[in-house]
Amino acid sequence: MRFSHAIELTEEDKNMGITTKIKILSENAERTGMGIIAGTFRRRADVFTGEGVIRTSGWGKYATEASKG
């Protein structure tokens, strides 16, 4: 996923009822809210990663199918 870790809420955010705030990151973001292991996995040469904001990565025999979600 191309989401950041949770961002600290302001008092205004809390008053508006917002419970979580995150950023949508660029396609090439080094680190995401998924963590270092998931980020390292998806950057491997033999791993296929889908497109869009919510992405799936796959490795092995059915990697391309897995990357399509």
Protein backbone atom coordinates (compact mmCIF):
# COMPACT_ATOMS: atom_id res chain seq x y z
CA MET A 1 0.00 0.00 0.00
CA ARG A 2 1.17 3.49 -0.68
CA PHE A 3 0.10 4.90 2.67
CA SER A 4 2.25 6.64 5.27
CA HIS A 5 2.26 5.81 8.93
CA ALA A 6 -0.45 7.60 10.91
CA ILE A 7 0.05 11.35 11.26
CA GLU A 8 -0.55 13.02 14.60
CA LEU A 9 -4.02 14.58 14.81
CA THR A 10 -4.55 18.23 15.65
CA GLU A 11 -7.26 19.39 18.04
CA GLU A 12 -9.20 20.63 15.00
CA ASP A 13 -9.00 17.12 13.45
CA LYS A 14 -10.30 15.56 16.67
CA ASN A 15 -13.14 18.09 16.89
CA MET A 16 -14.16 17.20 13.33
CA GLY A 17 -14.36 13.51 14.32
CA ILE A 18 -11.25 12.44 12.39
CA THR A 19 -9.74 9.35 13.99
CA THR A 20 -6.79 8.64 11.66
CA LYS A 21 -4.84 10.78 9.22
CA ILE A 22 -2.40 9.42 6.60
CA LYS A 23 -0.77 10.52 3.35
CA ILE A 24 -1.01 8.75 0.00
CA LEU A 25 2.58 8.29 -1.12
CA SER A 26 4.13 8.32 -4.59
CA GLU A 27 4.60 5.12 -6.61
CA ASN A 28 8.33 5.11 -5.81
CA ALA A 29 8.14 5.85 -2.09
CA GLU A 30 11.01 4.14 -0.28
CA ARG A 31 9.07 3.53 2.93
CA THR A 32 5.37 3.07 3.50
CA GLY A 33 3.11 2.30 6.42
CA MET A 34 3.53 -1.41 5.61
CA GLY A 35 7.07 -1.47 7.02
CA ILE A 36 10.60 -2.25 5.92
CA ILE A 37 10.06 -5.96 5.19
CA ALA A 38 7.11 -5.38 2.85
CA GLY A 39 8.93 -2.47 1.20
CA THR A 40 12.08 -4.53 0.63
CA PHE A 41 10.03 -7.45 -0.74
CA ARG A 42 8.17 -5.37 -3.31
CA ARG A 43 11.42 -3.85 -4.63
CA ARG A 44 13.00 -7.24 -5.44
CA ALA A 45 13.65 -7.86 -9.15
CA ASP A 46 11.65 -11.13 -9.13
CA VAL A 47 8.55 -9.66 -7.43
CA PHE A 48 5.59 -8.30 -9.40
CA THR A 49 3.58 -5.48 -7.83
CA GLY A 50 0.18 -4.32 -9.02
CA GLU A 51 -0.84 -0.74 -9.68
CA GLY A 52 -2.93 1.79 -7.84
CA VAL A 53 -3.05 2.99 -4.26
CA ILE A 54 -3.85 -0.40 -2.72
CA ARG A 55 -1.44 -2.83 -4.38
CA THR A 56 -0.67 -6.52 -4.06
CA SER A 57 2.76 -8.02 -4.69
CA GLY A 58 3.49 -11.56 -5.78
CA TRP A 59 6.54 -13.79 -6.12
CA GLY A 60 6.91 -17.23 -7.64
CA LYS A 61 4.87 -19.29 -10.07
CA TYR A 62 1.68 -17.21 -9.78
CA ALA A 63 3.30 -13.83 -9.14
CA THR A 64 1.63 -11.98 -12.00
CA GLU A 65 -1.81 -13.28 -11.02
CA ALA A 66 -1.21 -12.36 -7.37
CA SER A 67 -0.13 -8.84 -8.32
CA LYS A 68 -3.53 -8.28 -9.93
CA GLY A 69 -5.22 -8.78 -6.57
